[in-house]
């Protein structure tokens, strides 16, 4: 194996992840990957420093992906929703949702989108537009005027910063809550929250959430999460998220930065950064298993599906759970009324069994807005046994248990957000 083959083999997975993120069509993505490899082998002699091979290879891929979308635009085979990348970032499974421009365009009709696309992005004259869409020049002028006015009306005004994030008050002790099974059929739900942070990765979003020990119900820690602005990782557009965590027991604060992306179909992490022993460490979706084991999800880090529908893979009868799937599964396990702090919420229970760990079960109760009302974690009875030296039924004998395919899981802690307070 020569030097080029060795370097390509070491960096093929990051290349594949990058291109599949950028190109929605899997067949086109594979063609581009092959084209990148061919270009790389032909131009390898021009690379002066082999330690830069990965960045050089991804750079070639970036140009190939840009050429792909430029050709698509020339062919008029994609709509305004897909261009340009700087405003409407493309991901492997869809169009990014966090752009202010994208959000504003969503509020316009197809005719308004078309006229703005031809005029601003294609730089066509009004006369050429009239010929292109076969309408009188007067119609083009009036339609363009209306589209620009409608865009201005819906485009959000800038907000003045008032300093650091202020945490909304969350209770020191979690109020008693009641979970009651509903006789109504579960509803489908669109949840755009980023798994683990409860925030929607869109500009101007912020939220505070806290975890509470069970059975004491006392707050263990709280986290203030905010979207700082746009960000880009390896050419993929997303938003930067600042997470400030305060541990109530140690009175210690921890900061992490994330880059995340929301598309029409999925929500995913692109990068994570934190300081460890005085050194800032940053990991991205191209950093093999280091990132995937902690923040990645799905094949090529495609992310979490935002549209959640009942699959019938998880059957629940009280505290008895039967999973018919042979692998990790996220499924709706019934409809429930959650009463907490004097309010009752109509929710579906979304259960995540085995994705983060095959010894952890998550219950997430979502309302019809796709927002978390209550989040509960259960540990398999022998989870982290080497660390604790006891089973969870011994450590937390008062806590609720679930039985999943005959195995016992013990309720460990709860999370809620300021969405309900």
Protein backbone atom coordinates (compact mmCIF):
# COMPACT_ATOMS: atom_id res chain seq x y z
CA UNK A 1 0.00 0.00 0.00
CA UNK A 2 1.51 3.33 -1.07
CA UNK A 3 1.38 6.58 0.92
CA UNK A 4 -1.69 7.96 -0.85
CA UNK A 5 -3.70 4.77 -0.40
CA UNK A 6 -2.82 4.67 3.28
CA UNK A 7 -3.88 8.30 3.84
CA UNK A 8 -7.08 7.84 1.86
CA UNK A 9 -7.99 4.73 3.79
CA UNK A 10 -7.46 6.58 7.10
CA UNK A 11 -9.64 9.50 6.00
CA UNK A 12 -12.30 7.80 3.88
CA UNK A 13 -14.89 7.73 6.68
CA UNK A 14 -14.65 11.50 7.37
CA UNK A 15 -14.90 12.13 3.63
CA UNK A 16 -18.02 9.98 3.34
CA UNK A 17 -19.64 11.65 6.35
CA UNK A 18 -18.92 15.09 4.96
CA UNK A 19 -20.31 14.47 1.48
CA UNK A 20 -23.37 12.60 2.74
CA UNK A 21 -24.11 15.54 5.03
CA UNK A 22 -23.89 17.96 2.12
CA UNK A 23 -25.67 15.97 -0.59
CA UNK A 24 -29.22 14.81 -0.04
CA UNK A 25 -29.34 12.28 -2.88
CA UNK A 26 -27.38 9.14 -1.84
CA UNK A 27 -26.51 8.18 -5.43
CA UNK A 28 -25.20 11.65 -6.22
CA UNK A 29 -23.24 11.59 -2.96
CA UNK A 30 -21.50 8.34 -3.92
CA UNK A 31 -20.64 9.77 -7.35
CA UNK A 32 -19.10 12.84 -5.72
CA UNK A 33 -17.08 10.71 -3.26
CA UNK A 34 -15.60 8.78 -6.19
CA UNK A 35 -14.90 12.03 -8.04
CA UNK A 36 -13.13 13.46 -4.96
CA UNK A 37 -10.94 10.36 -4.66
CA UNK A 38 -10.03 10.53 -8.35
CA UNK A 39 -9.16 14.23 -8.13
CA UNK A 40 -7.12 13.60 -4.98
CA UNK A 41 -5.00 10.87 -6.54
CA UNK A 42 -4.35 13.01 -9.65
CA UNK A 43 -3.35 16.06 -7.58
CA UNK A 44 -1.61 14.30 -4.67
CA UNK A 45 1.83 15.37 -5.88
CA UNK A 46 0.78 19.02 -5.40
CA UNK A 47 0.18 18.50 -1.67
CA UNK A 48 3.23 19.92 0.08
CA UNK A 49 2.47 18.72 3.61
CA UNK A 50 0.91 15.26 4.02
CA UNK A 51 -0.10 16.14 7.60
CA UNK A 52 -2.72 18.40 5.97
CA UNK A 53 -4.16 15.56 3.89
CA UNK A 54 -7.50 15.41 5.70
CA UNK A 55 -8.17 19.14 5.41
CA UNK A 56 -6.98 19.07 1.78
CA UNK A 57 -9.29 16.14 0.96
CA UNK A 58 -12.31 17.79 2.63
CA UNK A 59 -11.47 21.00 0.76
CA UNK A 60 -11.69 19.13 -2.55
CA UNK A 61 -15.01 17.65 -1.44
CA UNK A 62 -16.31 21.10 -0.53
CA UNK A 63 -15.59 22.41 -4.03
CA UNK A 64 -17.20 19.36 -5.61
CA UNK A 65 -20.35 19.82 -3.53
CA UNK A 66 -20.52 23.53 -4.40
CA UNK A 67 -20.17 22.68 -8.10
CA UNK A 68 -22.96 20.13 -7.70
CA UNK A 69 -25.42 22.72 -6.37
CA UNK A 70 -24.36 25.33 -8.91
CA UNK A 71 -25.12 22.88 -11.69
CA UNK A 72 -28.45 22.05 -10.09
CA UNK A 73 -29.28 25.73 -9.96
CA UNK A 74 -28.37 26.20 -13.62
CA UNK A 75 -30.61 23.28 -14.49
CA UNK A 76 -33.39 24.78 -12.33
CA UNK A 77 -33.87 21.31 -10.87
CA UNK A 78 -33.88 22.54 -7.28
CA UNK A 79 -36.03 25.24 -5.76
CA UNK A 80 -35.29 28.40 -3.83
CA UNK A 81 -35.44 26.34 -0.64
CA UNK A 82 -32.09 24.77 -1.52
CA UNK A 83 -30.02 27.84 -2.45
CA UNK A 84 -27.71 29.47 -1.65
CA UNK A 85 -25.80 27.49 0.96
CA UNK A 86 -24.76 30.65 2.78
CA UNK A 87 -28.38 31.44 3.53
CA UNK A 88 -30.09 28.07 3.24
CA UNK A 89 -27.50 25.55 4.40
CA UNK A 90 -27.94 22.07 2.97
CA UNK A 91 -27.50 19.01 5.10
CA UNK A 92 -27.40 15.34 4.28
CA UNK A 93 -31.09 14.87 5.01
CA UNK A 94 -32.65 18.20 4.30
CA UNK A 95 -32.68 21.98 4.44
CA UNK A 96 -31.45 23.74 7.54
CA UNK A 97 -34.19 25.43 9.54
CA UNK A 98 -32.17 27.76 11.74
CA UNK A 99 -31.50 30.50 9.17
CA UNK A 100 -33.52 33.69 9.65
CA UNK A 101 -33.71 33.99 5.87
CA UNK A 102 -35.01 30.43 5.60
CA UNK A 103 -37.57 30.97 8.34
CA UNK A 104 -38.81 34.15 6.65
CA UNK A 105 -39.03 32.53 3.22
CA UNK A 106 -41.16 29.77 4.73
CA UNK A 107 -43.84 32.38 5.36
CA UNK A 108 -44.12 33.28 1.67
CA UNK A 109 -46.05 31.51 -1.05
CA UNK A 110 -44.45 29.58 -3.90
CA UNK A 111 -44.87 32.45 -6.39
CA UNK A 112 -43.14 34.90 -4.04
CA UNK A 113 -40.28 32.46 -3.42
CA UNK A 114 -39.87 31.90 -7.16
CA UNK A 115 -39.76 35.58 -8.06
CA UNK A 116 -37.22 36.39 -5.30
CA UNK A 117 -35.07 33.47 -6.35
CA UNK A 118 -34.94 34.51 -10.01
CA UNK A 119 -34.38 38.18 -9.23
CA UNK A 120 -31.88 38.01 -6.35
CA UNK A 121 -30.15 34.63 -6.59
CA UNK A 122 -30.21 34.15 -10.37
CA UNK A 123 -29.70 37.89 -10.98
CA UNK A 124 -32.21 37.91 -13.82
CA UNK A 125 -33.81 41.08 -15.16
CA UNK A 126 -37.53 41.59 -14.89
CA UNK A 127 -37.82 41.20 -18.66
CA UNK A 128 -35.97 37.87 -18.56
CA UNK A 129 -38.12 36.69 -15.69
CA UNK A 130 -41.27 37.52 -17.66
CA UNK A 131 -40.00 35.36 -20.53
CA UNK A 132 -38.88 32.57 -18.18
CA UNK A 133 -42.20 32.15 -16.39
CA UNK A 134 -44.33 33.31 -19.34
CA UNK A 135 -46.20 36.18 -17.72
CA UNK A 136 -46.51 39.89 -18.67
CA UNK A 137 -43.79 42.27 -17.46
CA UNK A 138 -46.40 44.13 -15.40
CA UNK A 139 -47.21 40.93 -13.53
CA UNK A 140 -43.52 40.42 -12.75
CA UNK A 141 -43.18 43.96 -11.39
CA UNK A 142 -46.25 43.74 -9.15
CA UNK A 143 -45.38 40.25 -7.96
CA UNK A 144 -41.78 41.25 -7.17
CA UNK A 145 -42.95 44.35 -5.27
CA UNK A 146 -45.44 42.30 -3.25
CA UNK A 147 -42.87 39.58 -2.51
CA UNK A 148 -40.27 42.10 -1.27
CA UNK A 149 -42.81 43.87 0.92
CA UNK A 150 -44.04 40.59 2.38
CA UNK A 151 -40.46 39.49 3.08
CA UNK A 152 -39.68 42.79 4.86
CA UNK A 153 -42.86 42.48 6.92
CA UNK A 154 -42.01 39.02 8.20
CA UNK A 155 -38.23 39.43 8.58
CA UNK A 156 -37.53 39.65 12.35
CA UNK A 157 -36.25 42.93 13.75
CA UNK A 158 -32.88 42.81 15.49
CA UNK A 159 -32.93 42.54 19.26
CA UNK A 160 -30.67 44.49 21.62
CA UNK A 161 -28.62 42.35 23.98
CA UNK A 162 -29.14 43.08 27.64
CA UNK A 163 -26.12 41.24 28.95
CA UNK A 164 -25.62 37.71 30.18
CA UNK A 165 -28.34 35.10 30.18
CA UNK A 166 -30.61 35.34 33.19
CA UNK A 167 -31.98 32.04 34.44
CA UNK A 168 -35.71 31.92 34.95
CA UNK A 169 -36.53 30.60 38.39
CA UNK A 170 -36.92 26.87 38.60
CA UNK A 171 -38.11 25.34 41.88
CA UNK A 172 -35.49 24.03 44.30
CA UNK A 173 -37.71 20.98 44.80
CA UNK A 174 -39.63 19.42 41.94
CA UNK A 175 -43.38 19.58 42.67
CA UNK A 176 -45.26 16.31 42.97
CA UNK A 177 -46.60 15.21 39.61
CA UNK A 178 -49.14 12.71 38.40
CA UNK A 179 -48.88 10.57 35.25
CA UNK A 180 -52.24 9.20 34.10
CA UNK A 181 -52.77 6.94 31.10
CA UNK A 182 -55.18 8.43 28.56
CA UNK A 183 -57.80 6.40 26.72
CA UNK A 184 -57.19 8.49 23.60
CA UNK A 185 -54.97 7.28 20.79
CA UNK A 186 -51.39 8.65 20.76
CA UNK A 187 -50.81 11.62 18.45
CA UNK A 188 -47.93 12.17 16.07
CA UNK A 189 -45.59 14.93 17.17
CA UNK A 190 -42.88 17.11 15.65
CA UNK A 191 -40.10 17.56 18.19
CA UNK A 192 -37.27 19.87 17.11
CA UNK A 193 -35.49 19.89 20.48
CA UNK A 194 -31.84 18.90 20.52
CA UNK A 195 -31.55 15.64 22.44
CA UNK A 196 -29.89 16.19 25.80
CA UNK A 197 -30.21 20.00 25.83
CA UNK A 198 -33.98 20.52 25.31
CA UNK A 199 -33.30 23.56 23.11
CA UNK A 200 -34.41 24.06 19.52
CA UNK A 201 -31.24 24.89 17.54
CA UNK A 202 -32.63 28.04 15.95
CA UNK A 203 -31.56 31.66 16.27
CA UNK A 204 -32.77 33.55 19.37
CA UNK A 205 -33.75 30.37 21.25
CA UNK A 206 -32.87 29.88 24.91
CA UNK A 207 -34.06 27.64 27.70
CA UNK A 208 -33.20 26.60 31.24
CA UNK A 209 -33.58 23.05 32.47
CA UNK A 210 -32.81 21.27 35.72
CA UNK A 211 -32.37 17.72 36.94
CA UNK A 212 -33.84 16.48 40.21
CA UNK A 213 -32.79 13.51 42.32
CA UNK A 214 -35.37 10.87 43.11
CA UNK A 215 -36.82 10.31 45.71
CA UNK A 216 -35.64 13.55 47.40
CA UNK A 217 -36.92 15.67 44.44
CA UNK A 218 -34.19 18.20 45.20
CA UNK A 219 -32.44 20.01 42.34
CA UNK A 220 -29.04 18.49 41.53
CA UNK A 221 -28.03 20.92 38.81
CA UNK A 222 -29.42 23.39 36.33
CA UNK A 223 -28.27 24.35 32.84
CA UNK A 224 -28.83 27.60 30.95
CA UNK A 225 -28.73 27.02 27.20
CA UNK A 226 -28.77 29.70 24.50
CA UNK A 227 -28.19 29.98 20.77
CA UNK A 228 -25.44 32.54 20.19
CA UNK A 229 -25.57 32.85 16.42
CA UNK A 230 -24.74 31.09 13.19
CA UNK A 231 -21.80 28.70 12.96
CA UNK A 232 -20.24 26.42 10.39
CA UNK A 233 -18.39 23.14 10.79
CA UNK A 234 -16.59 21.64 7.78
CA UNK A 235 -18.81 23.69 5.50
CA UNK A 236 -22.03 22.58 7.19
CA UNK A 237 -24.12 25.49 8.46
CA UNK A 238 -25.65 25.34 11.91
CA UNK A 239 -25.89 27.43 15.05
CA UNK A 240 -23.55 27.85 18.01
CA UNK A 241 -25.02 26.91 21.37
CA UNK A 242 -23.60 27.89 24.75
CA UNK A 243 -24.44 25.56 27.64
CA UNK A 244 -23.73 26.83 31.17
CA UNK A 245 -24.19 24.13 33.81
CA UNK A 246 -24.25 24.74 37.56
CA UNK A 247 -23.81 21.80 39.92
CA UNK A 248 -25.72 22.53 43.12
CA UNK A 249 -23.75 20.10 45.27
CA UNK A 250 -20.24 21.24 44.34
CA UNK A 251 -21.27 24.81 43.44
CA UNK A 252 -19.16 24.31 40.31
CA UNK A 253 -19.90 25.83 36.91
CA UNK A 254 -19.10 24.18 33.58
CA UNK A 255 -19.32 25.65 30.08
CA UNK A 256 -19.63 23.78 26.82
CA UNK A 257 -20.06 25.03 23.29
CA UNK A 258 -21.93 23.07 20.65
CA UNK A 259 -22.70 23.48 17.01
CA UNK A 260 -26.00 21.88 16.01
CA UNK A 261 -28.16 21.74 12.91
CA UNK A 262 -31.91 21.47 12.43
CA UNK A 263 -33.28 20.25 9.10
CA UNK A 264 -36.77 19.50 7.86
CA UNK A 265 -36.34 15.91 9.01
CA UNK A 266 -33.60 15.65 11.62
CA UNK A 267 -31.85 17.44 14.49
CA UNK A 268 -28.19 16.74 15.17
CA UNK A 269 -24.95 17.80 16.83
CA UNK A 270 -22.09 18.85 14.55
CA UNK A 271 -19.43 19.72 17.14
CA UNK A 272 -18.72 19.93 20.88
CA UNK A 273 -16.06 22.00 22.66
CA UNK A 274 -15.01 22.19 26.32
CA UNK A 275 -11.97 22.95 28.46
CA UNK A 276 -10.26 20.01 30.13
CA UNK A 277 -7.23 20.50 32.40
CA UNK A 278 -6.74 23.98 30.98
CA UNK A 279 -6.84 22.78 27.37
CA UNK A 280 -9.79 23.48 25.06
CA UNK A 281 -10.80 20.33 23.22
CA UNK A 282 -13.07 20.36 20.20
CA UNK A 283 -14.62 17.35 18.48
CA UNK A 284 -16.69 17.32 15.31
CA UNK A 285 -18.84 14.83 13.45
CA UNK A 286 -15.79 13.86 11.39
CA UNK A 287 -13.77 12.82 14.45
CA UNK A 288 -14.55 9.10 14.26
CA UNK A 289 -15.91 7.41 17.36
CA UNK A 290 -14.75 10.09 19.81
CA UNK A 291 -17.63 12.32 18.78
CA UNK A 292 -20.12 9.62 17.83
CA UNK A 293 -19.95 7.83 21.17
CA UNK A 294 -20.92 11.00 23.02
CA UNK A 295 -22.96 13.23 20.73
CA UNK A 296 -23.54 11.47 17.45
CA UNK A 297 -26.66 9.60 16.50
CA UNK A 298 -27.63 7.45 13.54
CA UNK A 299 -25.77 6.37 10.44
CA UNK A 300 -23.22 9.01 9.44
CA UNK A 301 -24.60 11.10 12.32
CA UNK A 302 -27.87 11.74 10.48
CA UNK A 303 -29.38 12.80 13.81
CA UNK A 304 -32.71 12.40 15.57
CA UNK A 305 -35.93 12.36 13.55
CA UNK A 306 -38.10 15.36 14.32
CA UNK A 307 -41.31 13.69 13.15
CA UNK A 308 -42.18 11.05 15.73
CA UNK A 309 -44.95 8.58 14.95
CA UNK A 310 -46.12 5.42 16.75
CA UNK A 311 -44.22 2.45 15.32
CA UNK A 312 -45.72 -0.29 17.45
CA UNK A 313 -42.27 -1.57 18.45
CA UNK A 314 -42.73 -0.74 22.15
CA UNK A 315 -45.75 -2.22 23.94
CA UNK A 316 -46.51 -0.88 27.42
CA UNK A 317 -48.85 -2.25 30.05
CA UNK A 318 -48.34 -0.21 33.19
CA UNK A 319 -44.72 -0.73 34.22
CA UNK A 320 -44.28 -3.77 31.96
CA UNK A 321 -42.51 -2.95 28.70
CA UNK A 322 -42.14 -5.28 25.74
CA UNK A 323 -39.81 -4.32 22.91
CA UNK A 324 -40.26 -6.23 19.67
CA UNK A 325 -37.41 -4.55 17.75
CA UNK A 326 -34.04 -6.30 17.63
CA UNK A 327 -32.07 -3.08 18.02
CA UNK A 328 -32.16 0.31 19.72
CA UNK A 329 -35.56 1.93 19.33
CA UNK A 330 -37.33 5.25 19.83
CA UNK A 331 -41.11 4.87 19.83
CA UNK A 332 -44.28 6.36 21.22
CA UNK A 333 -45.51 4.18 24.09
CA UNK A 334 -48.92 5.69 24.77
CA UNK A 335 -50.74 8.92 25.54
CA UNK A 336 -50.67 10.39 29.06
CA UNK A 337 -51.98 13.33 31.04
CA UNK A 338 -49.19 14.91 33.11
CA UNK A 339 -50.31 17.09 36.02
CA UNK A 340 -47.53 19.20 37.54
CA UNK A 341 -47.50 22.52 39.38
CA UNK A 342 -51.28 22.78 39.06
CA UNK A 343 -51.32 22.37 35.28
CA UNK A 344 -52.32 19.36 33.20
CA UNK A 345 -50.65 18.58 29.88
CA UNK A 346 -51.82 16.24 27.13
CA UNK A 347 -48.69 14.31 26.11
CA UNK A 348 -47.31 11.26 24.39
CA UNK A 349 -44.65 9.18 26.09
CA UNK A 350 -41.64 8.78 23.80
CA UNK A 351 -39.37 6.01 25.01
CA UNK A 352 -35.73 5.69 24.01
CA UNK A 353 -34.44 2.22 24.77
CA UNK A 354 -30.79 1.50 24.20
CA UNK A 355 -29.56 4.37 22.03
CA UNK A 356 -27.30 6.07 24.54
CA UNK A 357 -26.56 2.80 26.32
CA UNK A 358 -28.17 -0.62 26.29
CA UNK A 359 -28.53 -0.20 30.05
CA UNK A 360 -30.49 3.05 30.03
CA UNK A 361 -34.16 3.79 29.31
CA UNK A 362 -35.49 7.31 28.77
CA UNK A 363 -39.10 8.46 29.11
CA UNK A 364 -39.80 11.80 27.45
CA UNK A 365 -43.30 13.24 27.69
CA UNK A 366 -43.98 15.66 24.83
CA UNK A 367 -46.96 17.94 24.33
CA UNK A 368 -48.51 18.72 20.94
CA UNK A 369 -46.01 21.54 20.45
CA UNK A 370 -43.21 18.99 20.60
CA UNK A 371 -41.84 20.44 23.85
CA UNK A 372 -40.65 18.41 26.81
CA UNK A 373 -43.01 18.43 29.78
CA UNK A 374 -41.19 15.78 31.79
CA UNK A 375 -38.03 13.74 31.13
CA UNK A 376 -37.21 10.68 33.24
CA UNK A 377 -34.19 8.38 33.30
CA UNK A 378 -34.13 4.72 34.35
CA UNK A 379 -30.99 2.61 34.87
CA UNK A 380 -30.75 -1.11 34.35
CA UNK A 381 -30.41 -2.70 37.78
CA UNK A 382 -26.72 -3.54 37.31
CA UNK A 383 -25.76 -0.37 35.41
CA UNK A 384 -22.25 0.82 36.49
CA UNK A 385 -22.09 -1.99 39.06
CA UNK A 386 -18.29 -1.94 39.11
CA UNK A 387 -18.36 1.72 40.11
CA UNK A 388 -21.05 1.55 42.80
CA UNK A 389 -20.71 -2.07 43.98
CA UNK A 390 -24.50 -2.30 44.45
CA UNK A 391 -27.59 -2.87 42.38
CA UNK A 392 -29.88 0.11 41.87
CA UNK A 393 -32.72 -1.65 43.66
CA UNK A 394 -30.40 -1.70 46.68
CA UNK A 395 -29.29 1.92 46.36
CA UNK A 396 -32.75 3.35 45.58
CA UNK A 397 -35.22 0.83 47.04
CA UNK A 398 -38.08 3.39 47.17
CA UNK A 399 -37.87 4.32 43.54
CA UNK A 400 -40.23 3.27 40.77
CA UNK A 401 -39.10 0.44 38.50
CA UNK A 402 -39.81 -0.62 34.94
CA UNK A 403 -39.48 -4.09 33.50
CA UNK A 404 -38.22 -4.18 29.91
CA UNK A 405 -38.32 -7.62 28.30
CA UNK A 406 -38.01 -9.10 31.79
CA UNK A 407 -35.09 -6.89 32.90
CA UNK A 408 -35.48 -4.43 35.81
CA UNK A 409 -34.76 -0.71 35.38
CA UNK A 410 -34.77 1.76 38.29
CA UNK A 411 -35.90 5.40 38.18
CA UNK A 412 -32.86 7.62 38.84
CA UNK A 413 -33.71 11.29 38.17
CA UNK A 414 -36.11 13.69 36.42
CA UNK A 415 -35.66 16.78 34.25
CA UNK A 416 -37.98 19.70 33.54
CA UNK A 417 -37.53 23.02 31.75
CA UNK A 418 -38.75 26.57 32.26
CA UNK A 419 -41.24 25.87 29.45
CA UNK A 420 -43.65 24.65 32.13
CA UNK A 421 -42.81 27.20 34.87
